[in-house]
């Protein structure tokens, strides 16, 4: 077994202490950044997650509707109808969740400056427009 010199142990200990210090600094920086980030930014992320789910579900719904239209000689049509109803309910629920987030979280008074409030309002309008457009596509489908 190879023997290590005291210098190697000292260097290894020094590297570990430096890594721990950097980790602490990274955590402190992340915490400071989280405190500086307005609450509505999280709401934007949440709404975008629901929008992505709606789009995925709409794609799935289109595929199931196409399958339902194919000529079949079995009882799969009833299964397709149930699945269509379930996906439609899921899409409606995702829209409601996204709209609720827009109303509850985006109307907070966490903007310190007028510029922050204006930015939040513009983002809220853009998300509302996106939801409205997506809702229109869903109703047409």
N, C-alpha and C. Protein backbone atom coordinates (compact mmCIF):
# COMPACT_ATOMS: atom_id res chain seq x y z
N UNK A 1 0.85 -1.18 0.00
CA UNK A 1 0.00 0.00 0.00
C UNK A 1 0.88 1.23 0.00
N UNK A 2 0.57 2.18 -0.81
CA UNK A 2 1.40 3.38 -0.94
C UNK A 2 1.16 4.30 0.23
N UNK A 3 2.22 4.90 0.69
CA UNK A 3 2.07 5.84 1.80
C UNK A 3 1.99 7.24 1.23
N UNK A 4 1.10 8.05 1.81
CA UNK A 4 0.91 9.42 1.34
C UNK A 4 1.68 10.36 2.24
N UNK A 5 2.27 11.35 1.65
CA UNK A 5 3.02 12.33 2.44
C UNK A 5 2.05 13.28 3.12
N UNK A 6 2.48 13.94 4.19
CA UNK A 6 1.62 14.91 4.87
C UNK A 6 1.15 16.02 3.94
N UNK A 7 1.95 16.36 2.92
CA UNK A 7 1.57 17.42 1.98
C UNK A 7 0.32 17.02 1.19
N UNK A 8 0.22 15.75 0.82
CA UNK A 8 -0.94 15.27 0.07
C UNK A 8 -2.20 15.36 0.93
N UNK A 9 -2.09 14.96 2.19
CA UNK A 9 -3.25 15.05 3.09
C UNK A 9 -3.65 16.50 3.32
N UNK A 10 -2.67 17.37 3.50
CA UNK A 10 -2.95 18.79 3.71
C UNK A 10 -3.66 19.37 2.49
N UNK A 11 -3.16 19.02 1.29
CA UNK A 11 -3.77 19.53 0.05
C UNK A 11 -5.19 19.00 -0.11
N UNK A 12 -5.41 17.73 0.19
CA UNK A 12 -6.75 17.14 0.08
C UNK A 12 -7.71 17.83 1.05
N UNK A 13 -7.27 18.03 2.28
CA UNK A 13 -8.11 18.72 3.27
C UNK A 13 -8.40 20.15 2.83
N UNK A 14 -7.42 20.80 2.27
CA UNK A 14 -7.60 22.18 1.80
C UNK A 14 -8.62 22.23 0.67
N UNK A 15 -8.53 21.28 -0.26
CA UNK A 15 -9.48 21.23 -1.37
C UNK A 15 -10.90 20.99 -0.88
N UNK A 16 -11.05 20.10 0.10
CA UNK A 16 -12.38 19.82 0.64
C UNK A 16 -12.96 21.05 1.34
N UNK A 17 -12.13 21.77 2.10
CA UNK A 17 -12.61 22.99 2.76
C UNK A 17 -13.03 24.03 1.72
N UNK A 18 -12.24 24.18 0.65
CA UNK A 18 -12.59 25.14 -0.40
C UNK A 18 -13.90 24.76 -1.08
N UNK A 19 -14.09 23.47 -1.32
CA UNK A 19 -15.34 23.01 -1.95
C UNK A 19 -16.52 23.30 -1.04
N UNK A 20 -16.36 23.05 0.26
CA UNK A 20 -17.45 23.34 1.21
C UNK A 20 -17.76 24.82 1.25
N UNK A 21 -16.71 25.66 1.24
CA UNK A 21 -16.92 27.11 1.27
C UNK A 21 -17.65 27.56 0.01
N UNK A 22 -17.24 27.02 -1.16
CA UNK A 22 -17.91 27.40 -2.41
C UNK A 22 -19.36 26.96 -2.39
N UNK A 23 -19.62 25.78 -1.86
CA UNK A 23 -20.98 25.28 -1.76
C UNK A 23 -21.83 26.21 -0.89
N UNK A 24 -21.27 26.64 0.24
CA UNK A 24 -21.98 27.58 1.11
C UNK A 24 -22.25 28.89 0.40
N UNK A 25 -21.27 29.38 -0.34
CA UNK A 25 -21.43 30.63 -1.08
C UNK A 25 -22.51 30.46 -2.15
N UNK A 26 -22.50 29.32 -2.87
CA UNK A 26 -23.51 29.06 -3.89
C UNK A 26 -24.91 29.04 -3.29
N UNK A 27 -25.05 28.40 -2.12
CA UNK A 27 -26.35 28.33 -1.46
C UNK A 27 -26.80 29.72 -1.01
N UNK A 28 -25.87 30.51 -0.50
CA UNK A 28 -26.21 31.87 -0.08
C UNK A 28 -26.62 32.72 -1.28
N UNK A 29 -25.90 32.57 -2.39
CA UNK A 29 -26.24 33.33 -3.59
C UNK A 29 -27.61 32.92 -4.11
N UNK A 30 -27.89 31.63 -4.10
CA UNK A 30 -29.19 31.15 -4.56
C UNK A 30 -30.31 31.66 -3.65
N UNK A 31 -30.07 31.67 -2.35
CA UNK A 31 -31.07 32.18 -1.42
C UNK A 31 -31.31 33.67 -1.63
N UNK A 32 -30.23 34.42 -1.84
CA UNK A 32 -30.38 35.86 -2.09
C UNK A 32 -31.13 36.11 -3.38
N UNK A 33 -30.82 35.33 -4.40
CA UNK A 33 -31.52 35.48 -5.68
C UNK A 33 -32.99 35.16 -5.53
N UNK A 34 -33.30 34.11 -4.77
CA UNK A 34 -34.70 33.73 -4.56
C UNK A 34 -35.45 34.84 -3.84
N UNK A 35 -34.79 35.53 -2.92
CA UNK A 35 -35.45 36.61 -2.20
C UNK A 35 -35.68 37.81 -3.10
N UNK A 36 -34.79 38.04 -4.06
CA UNK A 36 -34.91 39.18 -4.95
C UNK A 36 -35.89 38.93 -6.09
N UNK A 37 -36.20 37.68 -6.38
CA UNK A 37 -37.09 37.34 -7.47
C UNK A 37 -38.53 37.59 -7.05
N UNK A 38 -39.26 38.37 -7.83
CA UNK A 38 -40.67 38.62 -7.49
C UNK A 38 -41.48 37.32 -7.49
N UNK A 39 -42.49 37.26 -6.65
CA UNK A 39 -43.31 36.06 -6.53
C UNK A 39 -44.01 35.70 -7.84
N UNK A 40 -44.34 36.70 -8.64
CA UNK A 40 -45.09 36.43 -9.86
C UNK A 40 -44.26 35.65 -10.87
N UNK A 41 -42.93 35.66 -10.74
CA UNK A 41 -42.09 34.90 -11.67
C UNK A 41 -42.39 33.40 -11.53
N UNK A 42 -42.60 32.95 -10.29
CA UNK A 42 -42.98 31.55 -10.08
C UNK A 42 -44.34 31.26 -10.72
N UNK A 43 -45.22 32.23 -10.66
CA UNK A 43 -46.55 32.05 -11.26
C UNK A 43 -46.43 31.87 -12.77
N UNK A 44 -45.53 32.60 -13.40
CA UNK A 44 -45.32 32.46 -14.84
C UNK A 44 -44.88 31.03 -15.16
N UNK A 45 -43.95 30.52 -14.38
CA UNK A 45 -43.49 29.14 -14.57
C UNK A 45 -44.64 28.16 -14.42
N UNK A 46 -45.45 28.36 -13.39
CA UNK A 46 -46.60 27.47 -13.15
C UNK A 46 -47.59 27.51 -14.31
N UNK A 47 -47.90 28.70 -14.80
CA UNK A 47 -48.83 28.83 -15.92
C UNK A 47 -48.25 28.14 -17.16
N UNK A 48 -46.97 28.34 -17.40
CA UNK A 48 -46.34 27.70 -18.57
C UNK A 48 -46.38 26.18 -18.48
N UNK A 49 -46.27 25.64 -17.29
CA UNK A 49 -46.39 24.19 -17.10
C UNK A 49 -47.79 23.73 -17.48
N UNK A 50 -48.81 24.46 -17.04
CA UNK A 50 -50.19 24.09 -17.37
C UNK A 50 -50.46 24.24 -18.87
N UNK A 51 -49.90 25.26 -19.49
CA UNK A 51 -50.06 25.45 -20.93
C UNK A 51 -49.43 24.27 -21.68
N UNK A 52 -48.26 23.85 -21.25
CA UNK A 52 -47.60 22.70 -21.90
C UNK A 52 -48.45 21.44 -21.74
N UNK A 53 -49.04 21.25 -20.57
CA UNK A 53 -49.91 20.09 -20.35
C UNK A 53 -51.12 20.14 -21.26
N UNK A 54 -51.71 21.32 -21.40
CA UNK A 54 -52.88 21.48 -22.28
C UNK A 54 -52.50 21.10 -23.71
N UNK A 55 -51.36 21.58 -24.18
CA UNK A 55 -50.92 21.28 -25.54
C UNK A 55 -50.71 19.78 -25.73
N UNK A 56 -50.07 19.14 -24.75
CA UNK A 56 -49.86 17.69 -24.84
C UNK A 56 -51.19 16.94 -24.86
N UNK A 57 -52.10 17.35 -23.99
CA UNK A 57 -53.41 16.69 -23.93
C UNK A 57 -54.21 16.93 -25.21
N UNK A 58 -54.08 18.12 -25.80
CA UNK A 58 -54.79 18.40 -27.05
C UNK A 58 -54.26 17.51 -28.17
N UNK A 59 -52.94 17.30 -28.20
CA UNK A 59 -52.36 16.39 -29.20
C UNK A 59 -52.90 14.97 -29.00
N UNK A 60 -52.94 14.54 -27.76
CA UNK A 60 -53.45 13.21 -27.43
C UNK A 60 -54.92 13.09 -27.83
N UNK A 61 -55.69 14.14 -27.57
CA UNK A 61 -57.11 14.15 -27.92
C UNK A 61 -57.30 14.04 -29.43
N UNK A 62 -56.50 14.74 -30.19
CA UNK A 62 -56.59 14.68 -31.65
C UNK A 62 -56.32 13.26 -32.15
N UNK A 63 -55.32 12.62 -31.59
CA UNK A 63 -54.98 11.25 -31.99
C UNK A 63 -56.11 10.27 -31.66
N UNK A 64 -56.70 10.43 -30.49
CA UNK A 64 -57.79 9.53 -30.08
C UNK A 64 -59.01 9.76 -30.97
N UNK A 65 -59.30 11.00 -31.28
CA UNK A 65 -60.45 11.28 -32.16
C UNK A 65 -60.23 10.67 -33.53
N UNK A 66 -59.00 10.73 -34.02
CA UNK A 66 -58.68 10.12 -35.31
C UNK A 66 -58.88 8.61 -35.25
N UNK A 67 -58.42 7.99 -34.17
CA UNK A 67 -58.61 6.54 -34.00
C UNK A 67 -60.09 6.19 -33.96
N UNK A 68 -60.87 7.03 -33.31
CA UNK A 68 -62.30 6.76 -33.17
C UNK A 68 -62.99 6.77 -34.54
N UNK A 69 -62.50 7.60 -35.45
CA UNK A 69 -63.13 7.71 -36.76
C UNK A 69 -62.80 6.54 -37.69
N UNK A 70 -61.78 5.77 -37.34
CA UNK A 70 -61.43 4.62 -38.18
C UNK A 70 -62.51 3.55 -38.06
N UNK A 71 -62.74 2.85 -39.16
CA UNK A 71 -63.74 1.80 -39.17
C UNK A 71 -63.22 0.62 -38.36
N UNK A 72 -64.02 0.22 -37.37
CA UNK A 72 -63.64 -0.90 -36.51
C UNK A 72 -64.85 -1.81 -36.33
N UNK A 73 -64.55 -3.05 -36.12
CA UNK A 73 -65.61 -4.03 -35.93
C UNK A 73 -65.56 -4.61 -34.52
N UNK A 74 -65.20 -3.78 -33.57
CA UNK A 74 -65.16 -4.22 -32.17
C UNK A 74 -65.80 -3.13 -31.30
N UNK A 75 -65.71 -3.29 -30.02
CA UNK A 75 -66.34 -2.35 -29.09
C UNK A 75 -65.40 -1.24 -28.64
N UNK A 76 -64.35 -0.98 -29.39
CA UNK A 76 -63.36 0.02 -28.97
C UNK A 76 -63.90 1.45 -29.04
N UNK A 77 -64.99 1.65 -29.78
CA UNK A 77 -65.54 3.01 -29.90
C UNK A 77 -65.97 3.54 -28.54
N UNK A 78 -66.59 2.70 -27.72
CA UNK A 78 -67.00 3.12 -26.38
C UNK A 78 -65.79 3.50 -25.54
N UNK A 79 -64.72 2.72 -25.64
CA UNK A 79 -63.49 3.04 -24.91
C UNK A 79 -62.91 4.38 -25.37
N UNK A 80 -62.95 4.61 -26.68
CA UNK A 80 -62.45 5.87 -27.22
C UNK A 80 -63.28 7.05 -26.71
N UNK A 81 -64.59 6.87 -26.68
CA UNK A 81 -65.48 7.94 -26.19
C UNK A 81 -65.16 8.28 -24.73
N UNK A 82 -64.97 7.24 -23.92
CA UNK A 82 -64.63 7.48 -22.50
C UNK A 82 -63.30 8.21 -22.37
N UNK A 83 -62.35 7.80 -23.17
CA UNK A 83 -61.03 8.43 -23.12
C UNK A 83 -61.10 9.89 -23.58
N UNK A 84 -61.90 10.15 -24.60
CA UNK A 84 -62.09 11.52 -25.08
C UNK A 84 -62.69 12.39 -23.99
N UNK A 85 -63.71 11.87 -23.31
CA UNK A 85 -64.34 12.62 -22.21
C UNK A 85 -63.35 12.89 -21.08
N UNK A 86 -62.54 11.91 -20.76
CA UNK A 86 -61.56 12.06 -19.69
C UNK A 86 -60.50 13.11 -20.04
N UNK A 87 -59.98 13.04 -21.25
CA UNK A 87 -58.96 14.01 -21.68
C UNK A 87 -59.55 15.41 -21.75
N UNK A 88 -60.79 15.52 -22.23
CA UNK A 88 -61.45 16.82 -22.28
C UNK A 88 -61.59 17.41 -20.88
N UNK A 89 -61.96 16.59 -19.92
CA UNK A 89 -62.07 17.06 -18.53
C UNK A 89 -60.70 17.48 -17.99
N UNK A 90 -59.66 16.73 -18.34
CA UNK A 90 -58.30 17.08 -17.90
C UNK A 90 -57.85 18.41 -18.48
N UNK A 91 -58.15 18.63 -19.75
CA UNK A 91 -57.79 19.90 -20.40
C UNK A 91 -58.51 21.06 -19.73
N UNK A 92 -59.79 20.89 -19.48
CA UNK A 92 -60.58 21.93 -18.81
C UNK A 92 -60.00 22.24 -17.44
N UNK A 93 -59.60 21.21 -16.70
CA UNK A 93 -59.01 21.41 -15.37
C UNK A 93 -57.68 22.17 -15.47
N UNK A 94 -56.87 21.86 -16.47
CA UNK A 94 -55.60 22.56 -16.64
C UNK A 94 -55.83 24.04 -16.97
N UNK A 95 -56.82 24.32 -17.81
CA UNK A 95 -57.16 25.72 -18.10
C UNK A 95 -57.56 26.45 -16.83
N UNK A 96 -58.41 25.82 -16.03
CA UNK A 96 -58.87 26.45 -14.79
C UNK A 96 -57.72 26.73 -13.83
N UNK A 97 -56.81 25.77 -13.71
CA UNK A 97 -55.66 25.95 -12.82
C UNK A 97 -54.79 27.12 -13.29
N UNK A 98 -54.55 27.19 -14.59
CA UNK A 98 -53.73 28.28 -15.13
C UNK A 98 -54.41 29.63 -14.92
N UNK A 99 -55.71 29.69 -15.17
CA UNK A 99 -56.45 30.94 -14.97
C UNK A 99 -56.45 31.35 -13.51
N UNK A 100 -56.59 30.37 -12.62
CA UNK A 100 -56.58 30.65 -11.19
C UNK A 100 -55.23 31.24 -10.77
N UNK A 101 -54.15 30.69 -11.29
CA UNK A 101 -52.82 31.21 -10.98
C UNK A 101 -52.69 32.64 -11.47
N UNK A 102 -53.18 32.91 -12.67
CA UNK A 102 -53.12 34.27 -13.21
C UNK A 102 -53.87 35.25 -12.31
N UNK A 103 -55.01 34.83 -11.82
CA UNK A 103 -55.81 35.73 -10.97
C UNK A 103 -55.22 35.89 -9.58
N UNK A 104 -54.80 34.79 -8.96
CA UNK A 104 -54.34 34.84 -7.57
C UNK A 104 -52.91 35.36 -7.42
N UNK A 105 -51.99 34.74 -8.13
CA UNK A 105 -50.57 35.02 -7.91
C UNK A 105 -50.05 36.22 -8.69
N UNK A 106 -50.67 36.54 -9.79
CA UNK A 106 -50.16 37.63 -10.61
C UNK A 106 -50.71 38.99 -10.19
N UNK A 107 -51.64 39.02 -9.27
CA UNK A 107 -52.21 40.29 -8.84
C UNK A 107 -51.61 40.79 -7.53
N UNK A 108 -50.55 40.14 -7.05
CA UNK A 108 -49.93 40.53 -5.79
C UNK A 108 -49.29 41.90 -5.86
N UNK A 109 -48.99 42.42 -4.70
CA UNK A 109 -48.37 43.75 -4.60
C UNK A 109 -46.88 43.63 -4.30
N UNK A 110 -46.24 42.58 -4.82
CA UNK A 110 -44.83 42.37 -4.51
C UNK A 110 -43.89 43.19 -5.38
N UNK A 111 -44.41 43.88 -6.39
CA UNK A 111 -43.57 44.73 -7.22
C UNK A 111 -43.17 45.97 -6.45
N UNK A 112 -41.90 46.17 -6.28
CA UNK A 112 -41.41 47.28 -5.48
C UNK A 112 -41.54 48.59 -6.24
N UNK A 113 -41.28 48.55 -7.51
CA UNK A 113 -41.29 49.78 -8.31
C UNK A 113 -42.44 49.75 -9.30
N UNK A 114 -42.71 50.90 -9.87
CA UNK A 114 -43.72 50.98 -10.92
C UNK A 114 -43.31 50.13 -12.13
N UNK A 115 -42.02 50.10 -12.41
CA UNK A 115 -41.53 49.30 -13.54
C UNK A 115 -41.81 47.82 -13.31
N UNK A 116 -41.61 47.36 -12.06
CA UNK A 116 -41.90 45.96 -11.73
C UNK A 116 -43.38 45.66 -11.92
N UNK A 117 -44.22 46.56 -11.45
CA UNK A 117 -45.67 46.37 -11.57
C UNK A 117 -46.08 46.35 -13.03
N UNK A 118 -45.49 47.23 -13.82
CA UNK A 118 -45.81 47.31 -15.25
C UNK A 118 -45.37 46.02 -15.96
N UNK A 119 -44.19 45.54 -15.61
CA UNK A 119 -43.69 44.29 -16.21
C UNK A 119 -44.61 43.13 -15.87
N UNK A 120 -44.99 43.03 -14.60
CA UNK A 120 -45.89 41.96 -14.17
C UNK A 120 -47.21 42.04 -14.95
N UNK A 121 -47.74 43.23 -15.08
CA UNK A 121 -49.01 43.41 -15.79
C UNK A 121 -48.88 43.00 -17.26
N UNK A 122 -47.78 43.36 -17.90
CA UNK A 122 -47.57 42.99 -19.30
C UNK A 122 -47.45 41.47 -19.46
N UNK A 123 -46.72 40.85 -18.55
CA UNK A 123 -46.57 39.39 -18.60
C UNK A 123 -47.92 38.72 -18.36
N UNK A 124 -48.68 39.24 -17.42
CA UNK A 124 -50.00 38.68 -17.12
C UNK A 124 -50.91 38.77 -18.35
N UNK A 125 -50.88 39.90 -19.02
CA UNK A 125 -51.70 40.05 -20.24
C UNK A 125 -51.26 39.08 -21.33
N UNK A 126 -49.94 38.92 -21.49
CA UNK A 126 -49.43 38.01 -22.52
C UNK A 126 -49.86 36.57 -22.23
N UNK A 127 -49.77 36.17 -20.97
CA UNK A 127 -50.18 34.81 -20.60
C UNK A 127 -51.69 34.63 -20.77
N UNK A 128 -52.46 35.64 -20.42
CA UNK A 128 -53.91 35.56 -20.58
C UNK A 128 -54.27 35.44 -22.06
N UNK A 129 -53.58 36.18 -22.91
CA UNK A 129 -53.82 36.10 -24.35
C UNK A 129 -53.46 34.71 -24.88
N UNK A 130 -52.34 34.18 -24.40
CA UNK A 130 -51.93 32.84 -24.80
C UNK A 130 -52.97 31.80 -24.39
N UNK A 131 -53.47 31.91 -23.17
CA UNK A 131 -54.51 30.98 -22.71
C UNK A 131 -55.78 31.12 -23.53
N UNK A 132 -56.15 32.35 -23.84
CA UNK A 132 -57.37 32.60 -24.61
C UNK A 132 -57.24 31.99 -26.01
N UNK A 133 -56.09 32.16 -26.64
CA UNK A 133 -55.86 31.59 -27.97
C UNK A 133 -55.92 30.07 -27.93
N UNK A 134 -55.27 29.50 -26.93
CA UNK A 134 -55.27 28.04 -26.77
C UNK A 134 -56.68 27.52 -26.50
N UNK A 135 -57.43 28.25 -25.70
CA UNK A 135 -58.81 27.87 -25.40
C UNK A 135 -59.65 27.89 -26.67
N UNK A 136 -59.45 28.88 -27.51
CA UNK A 136 -60.16 28.95 -28.78
C UNK A 136 -59.83 27.77 -29.68
N UNK A 137 -58.56 27.39 -29.72
CA UNK A 137 -58.14 26.22 -30.50
C UNK A 137 -58.80 24.95 -29.96
N UNK A 138 -58.88 24.86 -28.65
CA UNK A 138 -59.49 23.69 -28.01
C UNK A 138 -60.97 23.59 -28.36
N UNK A 139 -61.66 24.72 -28.33
CA UNK A 139 -63.10 24.71 -28.65
C UNK A 139 -63.35 24.36 -30.10
N UNK A 140 -62.46 24.77 -31.00
CA UNK A 140 -62.62 24.46 -32.42
C UNK A 140 -62.33 22.99 -32.73
N UNK A 141 -61.48 22.39 -31.91
CA UNK A 141 -61.05 21.00 -32.18
C UNK A 141 -62.14 20.00 -31.88
